[in-house]
PDB file of N, CA and C in Angstrom:
ATOM      1  N   MET A   1      17.580  10.808 -50.892  1.00  0.00           N
ATOM      2  CA  MET A   1      16.183  10.625 -50.565  1.00  0.00           C
ATOM      3  C   MET A   1      15.969   9.477 -49.580  1.00  0.00           C
ATOM      4  N   PRO A   2      16.624   8.305 -49.741  1.00  0.00           N
ATOM      5  CA  PRO A   2      16.404   7.214 -48.791  1.00  0.00           C
ATOM      6  C   PRO A   2      16.790   7.609 -47.358  1.00  0.00           C
ATOM      7  N   LYS A   3      17.848   8.440 -47.178  1.00  0.00           N
ATOM      8  CA  LYS A   3      18.244   8.854 -45.836  1.00  0.00           C
ATOM      9  C   LYS A   3      17.172   9.739 -45.220  1.00  0.00           C
ATOM     10  N   THR A   4      16.588  10.608 -46.014  1.00  0.00           N
ATOM     11  CA  THR A   4      15.535  11.493 -45.529  1.00  0.00           C
ATOM     12  C   THR A   4      14.312  10.679 -45.125  1.00  0.00           C
ATOM     13  N   LEU A   5      13.966   9.699 -45.931  1.00  0.00           N
ATOM     14  CA  LEU A   5      12.824   8.837 -45.638  1.00  0.00           C
ATOM     15  C   LEU A   5      13.073   8.024 -44.364  1.00  0.00           C
ATOM     16  N   LEU A   6      14.279   7.513 -44.205  1.00  0.00           N
ATOM     17  CA  LEU A   6      14.642   6.750 -43.015  1.00  0.00           C
ATOM     18  C   LEU A   6      14.580   7.638 -41.765  1.00  0.00           C
ATOM     19  N   LEU A   7      15.091   8.866 -41.880  1.00  0.00           N
ATOM     20  CA  LEU A   7      15.062   9.806 -40.765  1.00  0.00           C
ATOM     21  C   LEU A   7      13.619  10.158 -40.396  1.00  0.00           C
ATOM     22  N   LEU A   8      12.795  10.398 -41.388  1.00  0.00           N
ATOM     23  CA  LEU A   8      11.392  10.719 -41.152  1.00  0.00           C
ATOM     24  C   LEU A   8      10.661   9.545 -40.493  1.00  0.00           C
ATOM     25  N   ALA A   9      10.919   8.339 -40.963  1.00  0.00           N
ATOM     26  CA  ALA A   9      10.278   7.149 -40.385  1.00  0.00           C
ATOM     27  C   ALA A   9      10.726   6.942 -38.936  1.00  0.00           C
ATOM     28  N   THR A  10      12.010   7.150 -38.667  1.00  0.00           N
ATOM     29  CA  THR A  10      12.538   6.997 -37.307  1.00  0.00           C
ATOM     30  C   THR A  10      11.918   8.019 -36.365  1.00  0.00           C
ATOM     31  N   CYS A  11      11.847   9.264 -36.788  1.00  0.00           N
ATOM     32  CA  CYS A  11      11.245  10.313 -35.963  1.00  0.00           C
ATOM     33  C   CYS A  11       9.768  10.031 -35.703  1.00  0.00           C
ATOM     34  N   SER A  12       9.075   9.540 -36.711  1.00  0.00           N
ATOM     35  CA  SER A  12       7.654   9.221 -36.554  1.00  0.00           C
ATOM     36  C   SER A  12       7.455   8.095 -35.543  1.00  0.00           C
ATOM     37  N   LEU A  13       8.282   7.059 -35.641  1.00  0.00           N
ATOM     38  CA  LEU A  13       8.165   5.943 -34.707  1.00  0.00           C
ATOM     39  C   LEU A  13       8.482   6.369 -33.276  1.00  0.00           C
ATOM     40  N   LEU A  14       9.505   7.206 -33.120  1.00  0.00           N
ATOM     41  CA  LEU A  14       9.851   7.684 -31.784  1.00  0.00           C
ATOM     42  C   LEU A  14       8.737   8.547 -31.199  1.00  0.00           C
ATOM     43  N   SER A  15       8.119   9.352 -32.030  1.00  0.00           N
ATOM     44  CA  SER A  15       7.019  10.198 -31.562  1.00  0.00           C
ATOM     45  C   SER A  15       5.827   9.355 -31.131  1.00  0.00           C
ATOM     46  N   LEU A  16       5.508   8.339 -31.898  1.00  0.00           N
ATOM     47  CA  LEU A  16       4.368   7.484 -31.584  1.00  0.00           C
ATOM     48  C   LEU A  16       4.632   6.592 -30.375  1.00  0.00           C
ATOM     49  N   SER A  17       5.886   6.219 -30.151  1.00  0.00           N
ATOM     50  CA  SER A  17       6.176   5.350 -29.009  1.00  0.00           C
ATOM     51  C   SER A  17       5.908   6.072 -27.691  1.00  0.00           C
ATOM     52  N   GLY A  18       6.047   7.376 -27.662  1.00  0.00           N
ATOM     53  CA  GLY A  18       5.730   8.141 -26.458  1.00  0.00           C
ATOM     54  C   GLY A  18       4.243   8.155 -26.162  1.00  0.00           C
ATOM     55  N   CYS A  19       3.416   7.996 -27.173  1.00  0.00           N
ATOM     56  CA  CYS A  19       1.966   8.008 -26.982  1.00  0.00           C
ATOM     57  C   CYS A  19       1.439   6.684 -26.448  1.00  0.00           C
ATOM     58  N   SER A  20       2.166   5.605 -26.654  1.00  0.00           N
ATOM     59  CA  SER A  20       1.652   4.297 -26.275  1.00  0.00           C
ATOM     60  C   SER A  20       2.021   3.894 -24.857  1.00  0.00           C
ATOM     61  N   ALA A  21       2.788   4.701 -24.167  1.00  0.00           N
ATOM     62  CA  ALA A  21       3.197   4.343 -22.810  1.00  0.00           C
ATOM     63  C   ALA A  21       1.998   4.386 -21.870  1.00  0.00           C
ATOM     64  N   THR A  22       1.904   3.393 -20.985  1.00  0.00           N
ATOM     65  CA  THR A  22       0.822   3.385 -20.012  1.00  0.00           C
ATOM     66  C   THR A  22       1.167   4.341 -18.876  1.00  0.00           C
ATOM     67  N   PRO A  23       0.183   5.025 -18.354  1.00  0.00           N
ATOM     68  CA  PRO A  23       0.464   5.972 -17.264  1.00  0.00           C
ATOM     69  C   PRO A  23       0.892   5.215 -16.010  1.00  0.00           C
ATOM     70  N   PRO A  24       1.737   5.813 -15.201  1.00  0.00           N
ATOM     71  CA  PRO A  24       2.171   5.136 -13.980  1.00  0.00           C
ATOM     72  C   PRO A  24       1.017   4.994 -12.994  1.00  0.00           C
ATOM     73  N   ALA A  25       1.062   3.943 -12.207  1.00  0.00           N
ATOM     74  CA  ALA A  25       0.025   3.714 -11.203  1.00  0.00           C
ATOM     75  C   ALA A  25       0.110   4.799 -10.134  1.00  0.00           C
ATOM     76  N   PRO A  26      -1.024   5.271  -9.674  1.00  0.00           N
ATOM     77  CA  PRO A  26      -0.987   6.309  -8.635  1.00  0.00           C
ATOM     78  C   PRO A  26      -0.400   5.747  -7.345  1.00  0.00           C
ATOM     79  N   HIS A  27       0.373   6.572  -6.664  1.00  0.00           N
ATOM     80  CA  HIS A  27       0.984   6.165  -5.404  1.00  0.00           C
ATOM     81  C   HIS A  27      -0.017   6.339  -4.274  1.00  0.00           C
ATOM     82  N   SER A  28      -0.004   5.401  -3.370  1.00  0.00           N
ATOM     83  CA  SER A  28      -0.857   5.520  -2.194  1.00  0.00           C
ATOM     84  C   SER A  28      -0.265   6.571  -1.267  1.00  0.00           C
ATOM     85  N   LYS A  29      -1.094   7.467  -0.785  1.00  0.00           N
ATOM     86  CA  LYS A  29      -0.622   8.525   0.095  1.00  0.00           C
ATOM     87  C   LYS A  29      -0.941   8.206   1.546  1.00  0.00           C
ATOM     88  N   GLN A  30      -1.365   6.985   1.808  1.00  0.00           N
ATOM     89  CA  GLN A  30      -1.684   6.601   3.168  1.00  0.00           C
ATOM     90  C   GLN A  30      -0.469   5.961   3.813  1.00  0.00           C
ATOM     91  N   ILE A  31      -0.298   6.224   5.084  1.00  0.00           N
ATOM     92  CA  ILE A  31       0.774   5.616   5.855  1.00  0.00           C
ATOM     93  C   ILE A  31       0.182   4.423   6.593  1.00  0.00           C
ATOM     94  N   ALA A  32       0.898   3.309   6.559  1.00  0.00           N
ATOM     95  CA  ALA A  32       0.406   2.104   7.210  1.00  0.00           C
ATOM     96  C   ALA A  32       0.339   2.291   8.723  1.00  0.00           C
ATOM     97  N   ASN A  33      -0.668   1.709   9.330  1.00  0.00           N
ATOM     98  CA  ASN A  33      -0.842   1.749  10.778  1.00  0.00           C
ATOM     99  C   ASN A  33       0.073   0.684  11.389  1.00  0.00           C
ATOM    100  N   PRO A  34       1.075   1.076  12.185  1.00  0.00           N
ATOM    101  CA  PRO A  34       2.009   0.088  12.735  1.00  0.00           C
ATOM    102  C   PRO A  34       1.332  -0.920  13.662  1.00  0.00           C
ATOM    103  N   ALA A  35       0.290  -0.516  14.379  1.00  0.00           N
ATOM    104  CA  ALA A  35      -0.407  -1.452  15.261  1.00  0.00           C
ATOM    105  C   ALA A  35      -1.150  -2.511  14.446  1.00  0.00           C
ATOM    106  N   SER A  36      -1.745  -2.115  13.339  1.00  0.00           N
ATOM    107  CA  SER A  36      -2.430  -3.072  12.462  1.00  0.00           C
ATOM    108  C   SER A  36      -1.427  -4.025  11.825  1.00  0.00           C
ATOM    109  N   GLU A  37      -0.306  -3.489  11.370  1.00  0.00           N
ATOM    110  CA  GLU A  37       0.727  -4.337  10.772  1.00  0.00           C
ATOM    111  C   GLU A  37       1.275  -5.329  11.789  1.00  0.00           C
ATOM    112  N   TYR A  38       1.461  -4.882  13.027  1.00  0.00           N
ATOM    113  CA  TYR A  38       1.964  -5.765  14.078  1.00  0.00           C
ATOM    114  C   TYR A  38       0.983  -6.910  14.323  1.00  0.00           C
ATOM    115  N   CYS A  39      -0.297  -6.599  14.387  1.00  0.00           N
ATOM    116  CA  CYS A  39      -1.326  -7.623  14.572  1.00  0.00           C
ATOM    117  C   CYS A  39      -1.221  -8.694  13.486  1.00  0.00           C
ATOM    118  N   ILE A  40      -1.120  -8.271  12.258  1.00  0.00           N
ATOM    119  CA  ILE A  40      -1.059  -9.207  11.134  1.00  0.00           C
ATOM    120  C   ILE A  40       0.222 -10.028  11.179  1.00  0.00           C
ATOM    121  N   ARG A  41       1.355  -9.391  11.545  1.00  0.00           N
ATOM    122  CA  ARG A  41       2.630 -10.126  11.650  1.00  0.00           C
ATOM    123  C   ARG A  41       2.584 -11.192  12.749  1.00  0.00           C
ATOM    124  N   GLN A  42       1.737 -10.985  13.763  1.00  0.00           N
ATOM    125  CA  GLN A  42       1.592 -11.967  14.836  1.00  0.00           C
ATOM    126  C   GLN A  42       0.641 -13.101  14.445  1.00  0.00           C
ATOM    127  N   GLY A  43       0.124 -13.049  13.226  1.00  0.00           N
ATOM    128  CA  GLY A  43      -0.805 -14.078  12.759  1.00  0.00           C
ATOM    129  C   GLY A  43      -2.257 -13.753  13.072  1.00  0.00           C
ATOM    130  N   GLY A  44      -2.495 -12.532  13.541  1.00  0.00           N
ATOM    131  CA  GLY A  44      -3.844 -12.132  13.904  1.00  0.00           C
ATOM    132  C   GLY A  44      -4.657 -11.629  12.724  1.00  0.00           C
ATOM    133  N   LYS A  45      -5.927 -11.481  12.978  1.00  0.00           N
ATOM    134  CA  LYS A  45      -6.843 -10.918  11.976  1.00  0.00           C
ATOM    135  C   LYS A  45      -7.416  -9.637  12.566  1.00  0.00           C
ATOM    136  N   LEU A  46      -7.427  -8.607  11.772  1.00  0.00           N
ATOM    137  CA  LEU A  46      -7.857  -7.291  12.224  1.00  0.00           C
ATOM    138  C   LEU A  46      -9.355  -7.111  12.025  1.00  0.00           C
ATOM    139  N   GLU A  47     -10.001  -6.555  13.030  1.00  0.00           N
ATOM    140  CA  GLU A  47     -11.423  -6.218  12.954  1.00  0.00           C
ATOM    141  C   GLU A  47     -11.564  -4.745  13.321  1.00  0.00           C
ATOM    142  N   LEU A  48     -12.241  -3.985  12.491  1.00  0.00           N
ATOM    143  CA  LEU A  48     -12.495  -2.573  12.773  1.00  0.00           C
ATOM    144  C   LEU A  48     -13.939  -2.426  13.231  1.00  0.00           C
ATOM    145  N   ARG A  49     -14.099  -1.787  14.389  1.00  0.00           N
ATOM    146  CA  ARG A  49     -15.441  -1.574  14.946  1.00  0.00           C
ATOM    147  C   ARG A  49     -15.723  -0.075  15.006  1.00  0.00           C
ATOM    148  N   ASN A  50     -16.905   0.304  14.563  1.00  0.00           N
ATOM    149  CA  ASN A  50     -17.348   1.697  14.687  1.00  0.00           C
ATOM    150  C   ASN A  50     -17.983   1.855  16.056  1.00  0.00           C
ATOM    151  N   GLU A  51     -17.331   2.669  16.884  1.00  0.00           N
ATOM    152  CA  GLU A  51     -17.804   2.885  18.244  1.00  0.00           C
ATOM    153  C   GLU A  51     -18.128   4.361  18.429  1.00  0.00           C
ATOM    154  N   ALA A  52     -18.640   4.714  19.590  1.00  0.00           N
ATOM    155  CA  ALA A  52     -19.049   6.097  19.856  1.00  0.00           C
ATOM    156  C   ALA A  52     -17.910   7.092  19.650  1.00  0.00           C
ATOM    157  N   GLY A  53     -16.691   6.713  20.029  1.00  0.00           N
ATOM    158  CA  GLY A  53     -15.548   7.614  19.898  1.00  0.00           C
ATOM    159  C   GLY A  53     -14.872   7.556  18.543  1.00  0.00           C
ATOM    160  N   GLY A  54     -15.346   6.720  17.643  1.00  0.00           N
ATOM    161  CA  GLY A  54     -14.733   6.568  16.326  1.00  0.00           C
ATOM    162  C   GLY A  54     -14.480   5.100  16.025  1.00  0.00           C
ATOM    163  N   THR A  55     -13.604   4.844  15.070  1.00  0.00           N
ATOM    164  CA  THR A  55     -13.288   3.483  14.665  1.00  0.00           C
ATOM    165  C   THR A  55     -12.132   2.956  15.504  1.00  0.00           C
ATOM    166  N   THR A  56     -12.300   1.736  16.028  1.00  0.00           N
ATOM    167  CA  THR A  56     -11.274   1.099  16.844  1.00  0.00           C
ATOM    168  C   THR A  56     -10.920  -0.239  16.216  1.00  0.00           C
ATOM    169  N   GLY A  57      -9.622  -0.537  16.163  1.00  0.00           N
ATOM    170  CA  GLY A  57      -9.158  -1.800  15.615  1.00  0.00           C
ATOM    171  C   GLY A  57      -8.928  -2.821  16.712  1.00  0.00           C
ATOM    172  N   TYR A  58      -9.403  -4.038  16.483  1.00  0.00           N
ATOM    173  CA  TYR A  58      -9.196  -5.143  17.408  1.00  0.00           C
ATOM    174  C   TYR A  58      -8.470  -6.256  16.675  1.00  0.00           C
ATOM    175  N   CYS A  59      -7.523  -6.869  17.385  1.00  0.00           N
ATOM    176  CA  CYS A  59      -6.725  -7.945  16.806  1.00  0.00           C
ATOM    177  C   CYS A  59      -7.195  -9.274  17.388  1.00  0.00           C
ATOM    178  N   HIS A  60      -7.631 -10.186  16.522  1.00  0.00           N
ATOM    179  CA  HIS A  60      -8.013 -11.537  16.921  1.00  0.00           C
ATOM    180  C   HIS A  60      -6.776 -12.409  16.725  1.00  0.00           C
ATOM    181  N   LEU A  61      -6.121 -12.750  17.836  1.00  0.00           N
ATOM    182  CA  LEU A  61      -4.862 -13.494  17.802  1.00  0.00           C
ATOM    183  C   LEU A  61      -5.106 -14.996  17.670  1.00  0.00           C
ATOM    184  N   PRO A  62      -4.109 -15.737  17.156  1.00  0.00           N
ATOM    185  CA  PRO A  62      -4.271 -17.180  16.963  1.00  0.00           C
ATOM    186  C   PRO A  62      -4.585 -17.945  18.258  1.00  0.00           C
ATOM    187  N   ASP A  63      -4.158 -17.425  19.421  1.00  0.00           N
ATOM    188  CA  ASP A  63      -4.422 -18.124  20.687  1.00  0.00           C
ATOM    189  C   ASP A  63      -5.824 -17.847  21.235  1.00  0.00           C
ATOM    190  N   GLY A  64      -6.638 -17.089  20.480  1.00  0.00           N
ATOM    191  CA  GLY A  64      -8.012 -16.820  20.879  1.00  0.00           C
ATOM    192  C   GLY A  64      -8.227 -15.476  21.555  1.00  0.00           C
ATOM    193  N   ARG A  65      -7.142 -14.809  21.941  1.00  0.00           N
ATOM    194  CA  ARG A  65      -7.289 -13.496  22.575  1.00  0.00           C
ATOM    195  C   ARG A  65      -7.762 -12.466  21.560  1.00  0.00           C
ATOM    196  N   VAL A  66      -8.528 -11.499  22.044  1.00  0.00           N
ATOM    197  CA  VAL A  66      -8.929 -10.348  21.235  1.00  0.00           C
ATOM    198  C   VAL A  66      -8.439  -9.122  21.987  1.00  0.00           C
ATOM    199  N   GLU A  67      -7.529  -8.384  21.363  1.00  0.00           N
ATOM    200  CA  GLU A  67      -6.915  -7.220  22.001  1.00  0.00           C
ATOM    201  C   GLU A  67      -7.145  -5.987  21.135  1.00  0.00           C
ATOM    202  N   GLU A  68      -7.333  -4.845  21.779  1.00  0.00           N
ATOM    203  CA  GLU A  68      -7.355  -3.585  21.035  1.00  0.00           C
ATOM    204  C   GLU A  68      -5.959  -3.427  20.442  1.00  0.00           C
ATOM    205  N   GLU A  69      -5.876  -3.110  19.148  1.00  0.00           N
ATOM    206  CA  GLU A  69      -4.596  -3.189  18.439  1.00  0.00           C
ATOM    207  C   GLU A  69      -3.506  -2.311  19.040  1.00  0.00           C
ATOM    208  N   TRP A  70      -3.828  -1.096  19.456  1.00  0.00           N
ATOM    209  CA  TRP A  70      -2.794  -0.221  20.013  1.00  0.00           C
ATOM    210  C   TRP A  70      -2.348  -0.685  21.393  1.00  0.00           C
ATOM    211  N   MET A  71      -3.257  -1.242  22.196  1.00  0.00           N
ATOM    212  CA  MET A  71      -2.869  -1.793  23.503  1.00  0.00           C
ATOM    213  C   MET A  71      -1.922  -2.972  23.299  1.00  0.00           C
ATOM    214  N   LEU A  72      -2.227  -3.830  22.349  1.00  0.00           N
ATOM    215  CA  LEU A  72      -1.354  -4.964  22.029  1.00  0.00           C
ATOM    216  C   LEU A  72       0.008  -4.477  21.574  1.00  0.00           C
ATOM    217  N   TYR A  73       0.013  -3.531  20.680  1.00  0.00           N
ATOM    218  CA  TYR A  73       1.267  -3.002  20.127  1.00  0.00           C
ATOM    219  C   TYR A  73       2.135  -2.400  21.229  1.00  0.00           C
ATOM    220  N   HIS A  74       1.551  -1.552  22.063  1.00  0.00           N
ATOM    221  CA  HIS A  74       2.335  -0.882  23.106  1.00  0.00           C
ATOM    222  C   HIS A  74       2.759  -1.835  24.218  1.00  0.00           C
ATOM    223  N   SER A  75       2.004  -2.894  24.447  1.00  0.00           N
ATOM    224  CA  SER A  75       2.380  -3.828  25.508  1.00  0.00           C
ATOM    225  C   SER A  75       3.488  -4.780  25.074  1.00  0.00           C
ATOM    226  N   GLU A  76       3.654  -4.985  23.777  1.00  0.00           N
ATOM    227  CA  GLU A  76       4.619  -5.973  23.305  1.00  0.00           C
ATOM    228  C   GLU A  76       5.777  -5.393  22.507  1.00  0.00           C
ATOM    229  N   VAL A  77       5.686  -4.156  22.073  1.00  0.00           N
ATOM    230  CA  VAL A  77       6.745  -3.557  21.259  1.00  0.00           C
ATOM    231  C   VAL A  77       7.416  -2.457  22.062  1.00  0.00           C
ATOM    232  N   SER A  78       8.713  -2.601  22.259  1.00  0.00           N
ATOM    233  CA  SER A  78       9.471  -1.572  22.971  1.00  0.00           C
ATOM    234  C   SER A  78       9.825  -0.461  21.999  1.00  0.00           C
ATOM    235  N   LEU A  79       9.562   0.767  22.388  1.00  0.00           N
ATOM    236  CA  LEU A  79       9.863   1.901  21.518  1.00  0.00           C
ATOM    237  C   LEU A  79      11.271   2.420  21.739  1.00  0.00           C
ATOM    238  N   TYR A  80      12.000   1.877  22.713  1.00  0.00           N
ATOM    239  CA  TYR A  80      13.353   2.350  22.994  1.00  0.00           C
ATOM    240  C   TYR A  80      14.355   1.247  22.838  1.00  0.00           C
TER     241      TYR A  80
END
């Protein structure tokens, strides 16, 4: 009888431990914008402006320049 009780208690605890697990955090399905990341790595601050053609990102660099993020990225990062 003690073995049966021990087995039953063990099975019960194992069953309940599966219920107490926290669900995993949802994964972000967005891909980071390399031009925005480059701006931040240069010490800049990103500003998004809603313009007639859509949203445009501008990078405010530590030296005071304000550059459109993709123009900055393409002018300073070699793709080859």
